[in-house]
Amino acid sequence: MSHHPSYSMAALCAVGGAIGYVKGRSLPSLVAGMGIGAVYWYAGQRIQKNQDYGHDLALAASSLLLFAMGPKALRTRAPVPVVMSTLGTASAAYYSKKVYEDRFGV
């Protein structure tokens, strides 16, 4: 069941990157959104198939999203960076818990 947030984040990152491209003609936003979205999608695939390191990949994507969008959200206060950094924070917390559970069987 923990693959659903990963797929949702994949879609949101892709949409966020597309919005960044459309609004500001920012090719880096498009590439980053699609790239991070692809990592989330791949992590979701691994989690769904009970393969190793799915939660780790989702945590890495969440951390990357948080550290990429956090400073921009603080600097610009624009809606898309604020929402994406907030989602990155929530997703990082969720997947940190899942990685901990995988490692220590809690």
PDB file of N, CA and C in Angstrom:
ATOM      1  N   MET A   1       0.810  -1.190   0.000  1.00  0.00           N
ATOM      2  CA  MET A   1       0.000   0.000   0.000  1.00  0.00           C
ATOM      3  C   MET A   1       0.855   1.256   0.000  1.00  0.00           C
ATOM      4  N   SER A   2       2.106   1.152   0.429  1.00  0.00           N
ATOM      5  CA  SER A   2       2.945   2.344   0.501  1.00  0.00           C
ATOM      6  C   SER A   2       3.457   2.769  -0.871  1.00  0.00           C
ATOM      7  N   HIS A   3       3.055   2.077  -1.912  1.00  0.00           N
ATOM      8  CA  HIS A   3       3.456   2.508  -3.254  1.00  0.00           C
ATOM      9  C   HIS A   3       2.556   3.635  -3.768  1.00  0.00           C
ATOM     10  N   HIS A   4       1.360   3.777  -3.221  1.00  0.00           N
ATOM     11  CA  HIS A   4       0.442   4.823  -3.681  1.00  0.00           C
ATOM     12  C   HIS A   4       0.995   6.238  -3.494  1.00  0.00           C
ATOM     13  N   PRO A   5       1.577   6.563  -2.329  1.00  0.00           N
ATOM     14  CA  PRO A   5       2.157   7.909  -2.205  1.00  0.00           C
ATOM     15  C   PRO A   5       3.286   8.157  -3.208  1.00  0.00           C
ATOM     16  N   SER A   6       4.030   7.124  -3.516  1.00  0.00           N
ATOM     17  CA  SER A   6       5.122   7.282  -4.469  1.00  0.00           C
ATOM     18  C   SER A   6       4.591   7.603  -5.864  1.00  0.00           C
ATOM     19  N   TYR A   7       3.550   6.901  -6.277  1.00  0.00           N
ATOM     20  CA  TYR A   7       2.945   7.190  -7.577  1.00  0.00           C
ATOM     21  C   TYR A   7       2.303   8.576  -7.603  1.00  0.00           C
ATOM     22  N   SER A   8       1.685   8.954  -6.502  1.00  0.00           N
ATOM     23  CA  SER A   8       1.075  10.287  -6.419  1.00  0.00           C
ATOM     24  C   SER A   8       2.138  11.372  -6.517  1.00  0.00           C
ATOM     25  N   MET A   9       3.244  11.174  -5.814  1.00  0.00           N
ATOM     26  CA  MET A   9       4.331  12.161  -5.873  1.00  0.00           C
ATOM     27  C   MET A   9       4.953  12.213  -7.267  1.00  0.00           C
ATOM     28  N   ALA A  10       5.006  11.072  -7.946  1.00  0.00           N
ATOM     29  CA  ALA A  10       5.526  11.059  -9.317  1.00  0.00           C
ATOM     30  C   ALA A  10       4.671  11.954 -10.207  1.00  0.00           C
ATOM     31  N   ALA A  11       3.367  11.803 -10.091  1.00  0.00           N
ATOM     32  CA  ALA A  11       2.465  12.618 -10.907  1.00  0.00           C
ATOM     33  C   ALA A  11       2.559  14.092 -10.530  1.00  0.00           C
ATOM     34  N   LEU A  12       2.594  14.390  -9.231  1.00  0.00           N
ATOM     35  CA  LEU A  12       2.668  15.786  -8.790  1.00  0.00           C
ATOM     36  C   LEU A  12       3.974  16.452  -9.205  1.00  0.00           C
ATOM     37  N   CYS A  13       5.073  15.718  -9.156  1.00  0.00           N
ATOM     38  CA  CYS A  13       6.351  16.286  -9.584  1.00  0.00           C
ATOM     39  C   CYS A  13       6.344  16.573 -11.086  1.00  0.00           C
ATOM     40  N   ALA A  14       5.799  15.659 -11.849  1.00  0.00           N
ATOM     41  CA  ALA A  14       5.722  15.873 -13.291  1.00  0.00           C
ATOM     42  C   ALA A  14       4.848  17.084 -13.609  1.00  0.00           C
ATOM     43  N   VAL A  15       3.708  17.188 -12.934  1.00  0.00           N
ATOM     44  CA  VAL A  15       2.815  18.330 -13.150  1.00  0.00           C
ATOM     45  C   VAL A  15       3.480  19.624 -12.677  1.00  0.00           C
ATOM     46  N   GLY A  16       4.142  19.590 -11.528  1.00  0.00           N
ATOM     47  CA  GLY A  16       4.841  20.771 -11.023  1.00  0.00           C
ATOM     48  C   GLY A  16       5.938  21.240 -11.968  1.00  0.00           C
ATOM     49  N   GLY A  17       6.688  20.301 -12.525  1.00  0.00           N
ATOM     50  CA  GLY A  17       7.714  20.656 -13.502  1.00  0.00           C
ATOM     51  C   GLY A  17       7.123  21.247 -14.767  1.00  0.00           C
ATOM     52  N   ALA A  18       6.004  20.691 -15.200  1.00  0.00           N
ATOM     53  CA  ALA A  18       5.323  21.206 -16.392  1.00  0.00           C
ATOM     54  C   ALA A  18       4.784  22.612 -16.139  1.00  0.00           C
ATOM     55  N   ILE A  19       4.237  22.847 -14.946  1.00  0.00           N
ATOM     56  CA  ILE A  19       3.746  24.185 -14.605  1.00  0.00           C
ATOM     57  C   ILE A  19       4.897  25.183 -14.584  1.00  0.00           C
ATOM     58  N   GLY A  20       6.017  24.783 -14.002  1.00  0.00           N
ATOM     59  CA  GLY A  20       7.189  25.656 -13.983  1.00  0.00           C
ATOM     60  C   GLY A  20       7.671  25.992 -15.374  1.00  0.00           C
ATOM     61  N   TYR A  21       7.579  25.023 -16.274  1.00  0.00           N
ATOM     62  CA  TYR A  21       7.998  25.266 -17.655  1.00  0.00           C
ATOM     63  C   TYR A  21       7.025  26.203 -18.366  1.00  0.00           C
ATOM     64  N   VAL A  22       5.744  25.957 -18.213  1.00  0.00           N
ATOM     65  CA  VAL A  22       4.732  26.769 -18.895  1.00  0.00           C
ATOM     66  C   VAL A  22       4.738  28.206 -18.379  1.00  0.00           C
ATOM     67  N   LYS A  23       4.800  28.375 -17.066  1.00  0.00           N
ATOM     68  CA  LYS A  23       4.731  29.717 -16.489  1.00  0.00           C
ATOM     69  C   LYS A  23       5.996  30.531 -16.721  1.00  0.00           C
ATOM     70  N   GLY A  24       7.151  29.893 -16.588  1.00  0.00           N
ATOM     71  CA  GLY A  24       8.394  30.651 -16.658  1.00  0.00           C
ATOM     72  C   GLY A  24       9.333  30.237 -17.768  1.00  0.00           C
ATOM     73  N   ARG A  25       8.870  29.357 -18.653  1.00  0.00           N
ATOM     74  CA  ARG A  25       9.725  28.824 -19.721  1.00  0.00           C
ATOM     75  C   ARG A  25      11.044  28.285 -19.160  1.00  0.00           C
ATOM     76  N   SER A  26      10.919  27.624 -18.006  1.00  0.00           N
ATOM     77  CA  SER A  26      12.083  27.104 -17.303  1.00  0.00           C
ATOM     78  C   SER A  26      12.291  25.633 -17.672  1.00  0.00           C
ATOM     79  N   LEU A  27      13.227  25.398 -18.555  1.00  0.00           N
ATOM     80  CA  LEU A  27      13.548  24.021 -18.943  1.00  0.00           C
ATOM     81  C   LEU A  27      14.110  23.226 -17.757  1.00  0.00           C
ATOM     82  N   PRO A  28      14.923  23.834 -16.867  1.00  0.00           N
ATOM     83  CA  PRO A  28      15.371  23.077 -15.694  1.00  0.00           C
ATOM     84  C   PRO A  28      14.215  22.588 -14.814  1.00  0.00           C
ATOM     85  N   SER A  29      13.148  23.378 -14.699  1.00  0.00           N
ATOM     86  CA  SER A  29      11.985  22.931 -13.926  1.00  0.00           C
ATOM     87  C   SER A  29      11.351  21.701 -14.551  1.00  0.00           C
ATOM     88  N   LEU A  30      11.232  21.706 -15.852  1.00  0.00           N
ATOM     89  CA  LEU A  30      10.644  20.571 -16.554  1.00  0.00           C
ATOM     90  C   LEU A  30      11.509  19.323 -16.390  1.00  0.00           C
ATOM     91  N   VAL A  31      12.814  19.470 -16.596  1.00  0.00           N
ATOM     92  CA  VAL A  31      13.727  18.325 -16.489  1.00  0.00           C
ATOM     93  C   VAL A  31      13.755  17.785 -15.057  1.00  0.00           C
ATOM     94  N   ALA A  32      13.834  18.689 -14.073  1.00  0.00           N
ATOM     95  CA  ALA A  32      13.876  18.249 -12.677  1.00  0.00           C
ATOM     96  C   ALA A  32      12.561  17.588 -12.273  1.00  0.00           C
ATOM     97  N   GLY A  33      11.436  18.184 -12.664  1.00  0.00           N
ATOM     98  CA  GLY A  33      10.139  17.598 -12.324  1.00  0.00           C
ATOM     99  C   GLY A  33       9.970  16.212 -12.923  1.00  0.00           C
ATOM    100  N   MET A  34      10.339  16.072 -14.181  1.00  0.00           N
ATOM    101  CA  MET A  34      10.220  14.761 -14.827  1.00  0.00           C
ATOM    102  C   MET A  34      11.227  13.766 -14.251  1.00  0.00           C
ATOM    103  N   GLY A  35      12.425  14.247 -13.934  1.00  0.00           N
ATOM    104  CA  GLY A  35      13.454  13.363 -13.380  1.00  0.00           C
ATOM    105  C   GLY A  35      13.087  12.842 -12.002  1.00  0.00           C
ATOM    106  N   ILE A  36      12.696  13.747 -11.116  1.00  0.00           N
ATOM    107  CA  ILE A  36      12.305  13.324  -9.769  1.00  0.00           C
ATOM    108  C   ILE A  36      11.034  12.487  -9.834  1.00  0.00           C
ATOM    109  N   GLY A  37      10.123  12.862 -10.729  1.00  0.00           N
ATOM    110  CA  GLY A  37       8.915  12.060 -10.919  1.00  0.00           C
ATOM    111  C   GLY A  37       9.241  10.643 -11.381  1.00  0.00           C
ATOM    112  N   ALA A  38      10.237  10.518 -12.243  1.00  0.00           N
ATOM    113  CA  ALA A  38      10.642   9.190 -12.715  1.00  0.00           C
ATOM    114  C   ALA A  38      11.230   8.359 -11.586  1.00  0.00           C
ATOM    115  N   VAL A  39      11.991   8.984 -10.696  1.00  0.00           N
ATOM    116  CA  VAL A  39      12.547   8.254  -9.551  1.00  0.00           C
ATOM    117  C   VAL A  39      11.429   7.793  -8.624  1.00  0.00           C
ATOM    118  N   TYR A  40      10.458   8.662  -8.375  1.00  0.00           N
ATOM    119  CA  TYR A  40       9.302   8.265  -7.563  1.00  0.00           C
ATOM    120  C   TYR A  40       8.542   7.113  -8.220  1.00  0.00           C
ATOM    121  N   TRP A  41       8.352   7.190  -9.529  1.00  0.00           N
ATOM    122  CA  TRP A  41       7.623   6.123 -10.230  1.00  0.00           C
ATOM    123  C   TRP A  41       8.374   4.796 -10.114  1.00  0.00           C
ATOM    124  N   TYR A  42       9.698   4.838 -10.320  1.00  0.00           N
ATOM    125  CA  TYR A  42      10.512   3.629 -10.221  1.00  0.00           C
ATOM    126  C   TYR A  42      10.478   3.077  -8.795  1.00  0.00           C
ATOM    127  N   ALA A  43      10.532   3.968  -7.812  1.00  0.00           N
ATOM    128  CA  ALA A  43      10.445   3.533  -6.420  1.00  0.00           C
ATOM    129  C   ALA A  43       9.092   2.865  -6.159  1.00  0.00           C
ATOM    130  N   GLY A  44       8.026   3.447  -6.703  1.00  0.00           N
ATOM    131  CA  GLY A  44       6.706   2.846  -6.549  1.00  0.00           C
ATOM    132  C   GLY A  44       6.633   1.461  -7.157  1.00  0.00           C
ATOM    133  N   GLN A  45       7.276   1.288  -8.305  1.00  0.00           N
ATOM    134  CA  GLN A  45       7.323  -0.033  -8.939  1.00  0.00           C
ATOM    135  C   GLN A  45       8.023  -1.040  -8.037  1.00  0.00           C
ATOM    136  N   ARG A  46       9.159  -0.644  -7.464  1.00  0.00           N
ATOM    137  CA  ARG A  46       9.924  -1.537  -6.591  1.00  0.00           C
ATOM    138  C   ARG A  46       9.146  -1.857  -5.318  1.00  0.00           C
ATOM    139  N   ILE A  47       8.473  -0.861  -4.755  1.00  0.00           N
ATOM    140  CA  ILE A  47       7.694  -1.095  -3.540  1.00  0.00           C
ATOM    141  C   ILE A  47       6.531  -2.041  -3.838  1.00  0.00           C
ATOM    142  N   GLN A  48       5.847  -1.817  -4.939  1.00  0.00           N
ATOM    143  CA  GLN A  48       4.695  -2.633  -5.296  1.00  0.00           C
ATOM    144  C   GLN A  48       5.078  -4.092  -5.526  1.00  0.00           C
ATOM    145  N   LYS A  49       6.267  -4.313  -6.057  1.00  0.00           N
ATOM    146  CA  LYS A  49       6.731  -5.678  -6.342  1.00  0.00           C
ATOM    147  C   LYS A  49       7.520  -6.281  -5.179  1.00  0.00           C
ATOM    148  N   ASN A  50       7.551  -5.587  -4.028  1.00  0.00           N
ATOM    149  CA  ASN A  50       8.297  -6.037  -2.847  1.00  0.00           C
ATOM    150  C   ASN A  50       9.774  -6.258  -3.127  1.00  0.00           C
ATOM    151  N   GLN A  51      10.361  -5.411  -3.957  1.00  0.00           N
ATOM    152  CA  GLN A  51      11.789  -5.487  -4.231  1.00  0.00           C
ATOM    153  C   GLN A  51      12.531  -4.591  -3.251  1.00  0.00           C
ATOM    154  N   ASP A  52      13.811  -4.860  -3.120  1.00  0.00           N
ATOM    155  CA  ASP A  52      14.632  -4.090  -2.191  1.00  0.00           C
ATOM    156  C   ASP A  52      14.808  -2.650  -2.658  1.00  0.00           C
ATOM    157  N   TYR A  53      15.009  -1.778  -1.677  1.00  0.00           N
ATOM    158  CA  TYR A  53      15.394  -0.373  -1.863  1.00  0.00           C
ATOM    159  C   TYR A  53      14.322   0.513  -2.489  1.00  0.00           C
ATOM    160  N   GLY A  54      13.088   0.096  -2.533  1.00  0.00           N
ATOM    161  CA  GLY A  54      12.025   0.949  -3.048  1.00  0.00           C
ATOM    162  C   GLY A  54      11.778   2.141  -2.135  1.00  0.00           C
ATOM    163  N   HIS A  55      11.676   1.863  -0.835  1.00  0.00           N
ATOM    164  CA  HIS A  55      11.460   2.956   0.118  1.00  0.00           C
ATOM    165  C   HIS A  55      12.681   3.872   0.171  1.00  0.00           C
ATOM    166  N   ASP A  56      13.864   3.297   0.019  1.00  0.00           N
ATOM    167  CA  ASP A  56      15.085   4.107   0.021  1.00  0.00           C
ATOM    168  C   ASP A  56      15.098   5.071  -1.164  1.00  0.00           C
ATOM    169  N   LEU A  57      14.695   4.595  -2.315  1.00  0.00           N
ATOM    170  CA  LEU A  57      14.631   5.464  -3.496  1.00  0.00           C
ATOM    171  C   LEU A  57      13.603   6.575  -3.320  1.00  0.00           C
ATOM    172  N   ALA A  58      12.457   6.227  -2.756  1.00  0.00           N
ATOM    173  CA  ALA A  58      11.427   7.236  -2.512  1.00  0.00           C
ATOM    174  C   ALA A  58      11.919   8.272  -1.505  1.00  0.00           C
ATOM    175  N   LEU A  59      12.658   7.834  -0.492  1.00  0.00           N
ATOM    176  CA  LEU A  59      13.226   8.760   0.485  1.00  0.00           C
ATOM    177  C   LEU A  59      14.260   9.664  -0.180  1.00  0.00           C
ATOM    178  N   ALA A  60      15.075   9.108  -1.050  1.00  0.00           N
ATOM    179  CA  ALA A  60      16.073   9.922  -1.759  1.00  0.00           C
ATOM    180  C   ALA A  60      15.396  10.972  -2.643  1.00  0.00           C
ATOM    181  N   ALA A  61      14.354  10.563  -3.358  1.00  0.00           N
ATOM    182  CA  ALA A  61      13.621  11.509  -4.202  1.00  0.00           C
ATOM    183  C   ALA A  61      12.959  12.591  -3.355  1.00  0.00           C
ATOM    184  N   SER A  62      12.416  12.208  -2.205  1.00  0.00           N
ATOM    185  CA  SER A  62      11.771  13.170  -1.311  1.00  0.00           C
ATOM    186  C   SER A  62      12.777  14.175  -0.772  1.00  0.00           C
ATOM    187  N   SER A  63      13.939  13.677  -0.381  1.00  0.00           N
ATOM    188  CA  SER A  63      14.984  14.561   0.136  1.00  0.00           C
ATOM    189  C   SER A  63      15.475  15.510  -0.942  1.00  0.00           C
ATOM    190  N   LEU A  64      15.662  14.998  -2.133  1.00  0.00           N
ATOM    191  CA  LEU A  64      16.096  15.836  -3.247  1.00  0.00           C
ATOM    192  C   LEU A  64      15.057  16.911  -3.548  1.00  0.00           C
ATOM    193  N   LEU A  65      13.795  16.528  -3.555  1.00  0.00           N
ATOM    194  CA  LEU A  65      12.724  17.493  -3.788  1.00  0.00           C
ATOM    195  C   LEU A  65      12.709  18.565  -2.700  1.00  0.00           C
ATOM    196  N   LEU A  66      12.833  18.150  -1.467  1.00  0.00           N
ATOM    197  CA  LEU A  66      12.832  19.102  -0.357  1.00  0.00           C
ATOM    198  C   LEU A  66      14.010  20.070  -0.451  1.00  0.00           C
ATOM    199  N   PHE A  67      15.204  19.554  -0.681  1.00  0.00           N
ATOM    200  CA  PHE A  67      16.383  20.414  -0.705  1.00  0.00           C
ATOM    201  C   PHE A  67      16.479  21.258  -1.973  1.00  0.00           C
ATOM    202  N   ALA A  68      15.805  20.844  -3.032  1.00  0.00           N
ATOM    203  CA  ALA A  68      15.788  21.652  -4.252  1.00  0.00           C
ATOM    204  C   ALA A  68      14.727  22.750  -4.183  1.00  0.00           C
ATOM    205  N   MET A  69      13.562  22.415  -3.644  1.00  0.00           N
ATOM    206  CA  MET A  69      12.451  23.375  -3.652  1.00  0.00           C
ATOM    207  C   MET A  69      12.370  24.216  -2.383  1.00  0.00           C
ATOM    208  N   GLY A  70      12.924  23.747  -1.281  1.00  0.00           N
ATOM    209  CA  GLY A  70      12.842  24.481  -0.016  1.00  0.00           C
ATOM    210  C   GLY A  70      13.405  25.898  -0.090  1.00  0.00           C
ATOM    211  N   PRO A  71      14.644  26.053  -0.545  1.00  0.00           N
ATOM    212  CA  PRO A  71      15.196  27.413  -0.627  1.00  0.00           C
ATOM    213  C   PRO A  71      14.418  28.314  -1.594  1.00  0.00           C
ATOM    214  N   LYS A  72      13.964  27.744  -2.698  1.00  0.00           N
ATOM    215  CA  LYS A  72      13.183  28.544  -3.644  1.00  0.00           C
ATOM    216  C   LYS A  72      11.845  28.950  -3.042  1.00  0.00           C
ATOM    217  N   ALA A  73      11.237  28.061  -2.270  1.00  0.00           N
ATOM    218  CA  ALA A  73       9.969  28.385  -1.621  1.00  0.00           C
ATOM    219  C   ALA A  73      10.159  29.513  -0.604  1.00  0.00           C
ATOM    220  N   LEU A  74      11.242  29.451   0.158  1.00  0.00           N
ATOM    221  CA  LEU A  74      11.507  30.501   1.139  1.00  0.00           C
ATOM    222  C   LEU A  74      11.826  31.841   0.467  1.00  0.00           C
ATOM    223  N   ARG A  75      12.531  31.771  -0.646  1.00  0.00           N
ATOM    224  CA  ARG A  75      12.945  32.986  -1.338  1.00  0.00           C
ATOM    225  C   ARG A  75      11.803  33.661  -2.081  1.00  0.00           C
ATOM    226  N   THR A  76      10.989  32.893  -2.796  1.00  0.00           N
ATOM    227  CA  THR A  76       9.977  33.486  -3.676  1.00  0.00           C
ATOM    228  C   THR A  76       8.567  33.476  -3.100  1.00  0.00           C
ATOM    229  N   ARG A  77       8.280  32.549  -2.187  1.00  0.00           N
ATOM    230  CA  ARG A  77       6.933  32.364  -1.646  1.00  0.00           C
ATOM    231  C   ARG A  77       5.894  32.079  -2.738  1.00  0.00           C
ATOM    232  N   ALA A  78       6.346  31.582  -3.875  1.00  0.00           N
ATOM    233  CA  ALA A  78       5.439  31.224  -4.974  1.00  0.00           C
ATOM    234  C   ALA A  78       4.697  29.932  -4.601  1.00  0.00           C
ATOM    235  N   PRO A  79       3.472  29.774  -5.093  1.00  0.00           N
ATOM    236  CA  PRO A  79       2.661  28.618  -4.683  1.00  0.00           C
ATOM    237  C   PRO A  79       3.255  27.258  -5.040  1.00  0.00           C
ATOM    238  N   VAL A  80       3.763  27.103  -6.242  1.00  0.00           N
ATOM    239  CA  VAL A  80       4.254  25.777  -6.653  1.00  0.00           C
ATOM    240  C   VAL A  80       5.464  25.353  -5.828  1.00  0.00           C
ATOM    241  N   PRO A  81       6.493  26.184  -5.650  1.00  0.00           N
ATOM    242  CA  PRO A  81       7.608  25.747  -4.799  1.00  0.00           C
ATOM    243  C   PRO A  81       7.205  25.485  -3.347  1.00  0.00           C
ATOM    244  N   VAL A  82       6.286  26.287  -2.819  1.00  0.00           N
ATOM    245  CA  VAL A  82       5.836  26.072  -1.433  1.00  0.00           C
ATOM    246  C   VAL A  82       5.127  24.731  -1.307  1.00  0.00           C
ATOM    247  N   VAL A  83       4.228  24.443  -2.226  1.00  0.00           N
ATOM    248  CA  VAL A  83       3.493  23.170  -2.182  1.00  0.00           C
ATOM    249  C   VAL A  83       4.445  21.997  -2.386  1.00  0.00           C
ATOM    250  N   MET A  84       5.340  22.102  -3.349  1.00  0.00           N
ATOM    251  CA  MET A  84       6.249  20.989  -3.630  1.00  0.00           C
ATOM    252  C   MET A  84       7.217  20.749  -2.476  1.00  0.00           C
ATOM    253  N   SER A  85       7.717  21.811  -1.829  1.00  0.00           N
ATOM    254  CA  SER A  85       8.611  21.612  -0.689  1.00  0.00           C
ATOM    255  C   SER A  85       7.853  21.040   0.508  1.00  0.00           C
ATOM    256  N   THR A  86       6.603  21.437   0.681  1.00  0.00           N
ATOM    257  CA  THR A  86       5.786  20.873   1.757  1.00  0.00           C
ATOM    258  C   THR A  86       5.520  19.391   1.509  1.00  0.00           C
ATOM    259  N   LEU A  87       5.177  19.054   0.277  1.00  0.00           N
ATOM    260  CA  LEU A  87       4.968  17.645  -0.061  1.00  0.00           C
ATOM    261  C   LEU A  87       6.261  16.842   0.068  1.00  0.00           C
ATOM    262  N   GLY A  88       7.385  17.449  -0.294  1.00  0.00           N
ATOM    263  CA  GLY A  88       8.677  16.781  -0.130  1.00  0.00           C
ATOM    264  C   GLY A  88       8.976  16.496   1.331  1.00  0.00           C
ATOM    265  N   THR A  89       8.638  17.445   2.197  1.00  0.00           N
ATOM    266  CA  THR A  89       8.849  17.254   3.634  1.00  0.00           C
ATOM    267  C   THR A  89       7.980  16.124   4.164  1.00  0.00           C
ATOM    268  N   ALA A  90       6.702  16.143   3.816  1.00  0.00           N
ATOM    269  CA  ALA A  90       5.782  15.099   4.280  1.00  0.00           C
ATOM    270  C   ALA A  90       6.183  13.727   3.742  1.00  0.00           C
ATOM    271  N   SER A  91       6.555  13.689   2.475  1.00  0.00           N
ATOM    272  CA  SER A  91       6.959  12.429   1.862  1.00  0.00           C
ATOM    273  C   SER A  91       8.266  11.911   2.474  1.00  0.00           C
ATOM    274  N   ALA A  92       9.199  12.810   2.748  1.00  0.00           N
ATOM    275  CA  ALA A  92      10.458  12.399   3.381  1.00  0.00           C
ATOM    276  C   ALA A  92      10.198  11.821   4.770  1.00  0.00           C
ATOM    277  N   ALA A  93       9.292  12.435   5.513  1.00  0.00           N
ATOM    278  CA  ALA A  93       8.966  11.915   6.842  1.00  0.00           C
ATOM    279  C   ALA A  93       8.327  10.527   6.736  1.00  0.00           C
ATOM    280  N   TYR A  94       7.399  10.372   5.806  1.00  0.00           N
ATOM    281  CA  TYR A  94       6.718   9.088   5.632  1.00  0.00           C
ATOM    282  C   TYR A  94       7.711   7.991   5.215  1.00  0.00           C
ATOM    283  N   TYR A  95       8.532   8.279   4.230  1.00  0.00           N
ATOM    284  CA  TYR A  95       9.446   7.246   3.756  1.00  0.00           C
ATOM    285  C   TYR A  95      10.621   7.025   4.707  1.00  0.00           C
ATOM    286  N   SER A  96      10.955   8.001   5.542  1.00  0.00           N
ATOM    287  CA  SER A  96      11.938   7.762   6.606  1.00  0.00           C
ATOM    288  C   SER A  96      11.409   6.716   7.569  1.00  0.00           C
ATOM    289  N   LYS A  97      10.138   6.849   7.910  1.00  0.00           N
ATOM    290  CA  LYS A  97       9.501   5.870   8.786  1.00  0.00           C
ATOM    291  C   LYS A  97       9.483   4.485   8.142  1.00  0.00           C
ATOM    292  N   LYS A  98       9.173   4.430   6.851  1.00  0.00           N
ATOM    293  CA  LYS A  98       9.118   3.138   6.158  1.00  0.00           C
ATOM    294  C   LYS A  98      10.507   2.500   6.064  1.00  0.00           C
ATOM    295  N   VAL A  99      11.536   3.291   5.816  1.00  0.00           N
ATOM    296  CA  VAL A  99      12.902   2.760   5.767  1.00  0.00           C
ATOM    297  C   VAL A  99      13.302   2.229   7.141  1.00  0.00           C
ATOM    298  N   TYR A 100      12.958   2.982   8.189  1.00  0.00           N
ATOM    299  CA  TYR A 100      13.243   2.531   9.550  1.00  0.00           C
ATOM    300  C   TYR A 100      12.550   1.200   9.825  1.00  0.00           C
ATOM    301  N   GLU A 101      11.287   1.080   9.433  1.00  0.00           N
ATOM    302  CA  GLU A 101      10.554  -0.162   9.634  1.00  0.00           C
ATOM    303  C   GLU A 101      11.181  -1.311   8.855  1.00  0.00           C
ATOM    304  N   ASP A 102      11.653  -1.030   7.638  1.00  0.00           N
ATOM    305  CA  ASP A 102      12.315  -2.079   6.845  1.00  0.00           C
ATOM    306  C   ASP A 102      13.595  -2.558   7.524  1.00  0.00           C
ATOM    307  N   ARG A 103      14.360  -1.622   8.073  1.00  0.00           N
ATOM    308  CA  ARG A 103      15.651  -1.962   8.641  1.00  0.00           C
ATOM    309  C   ARG A 103      15.523  -2.699   9.978  1.00  0.00           C
ATOM    310  N   PHE A 104      14.608  -2.220  10.810  1.00  0.00           N
ATOM    311  CA  PHE A 104      14.552  -2.714  12.173  1.00  0.00           C
ATOM    312  C   PHE A 104      13.304  -3.535  12.483  1.00  0.00           C
ATOM    313  N   GLY A 105      12.439  -3.729  11.497  1.00  0.00           N
ATOM    314  CA  GLY A 105      11.292  -4.597  11.655  1.00  0.00           C
ATOM    315  C   GLY A 105      10.271  -4.139  12.682  1.00  0.00           C
ATOM    316  N   VAL A 106      10.160  -2.871  12.835  1.00  0.00           N
ATOM    317  CA  VAL A 106       9.218  -2.335  13.825  1.00  0.00           C
ATOM    318  C   VAL A 106       7.826  -2.313  13.244  1.00  0.00           C
TER     319      VAL A 106
END
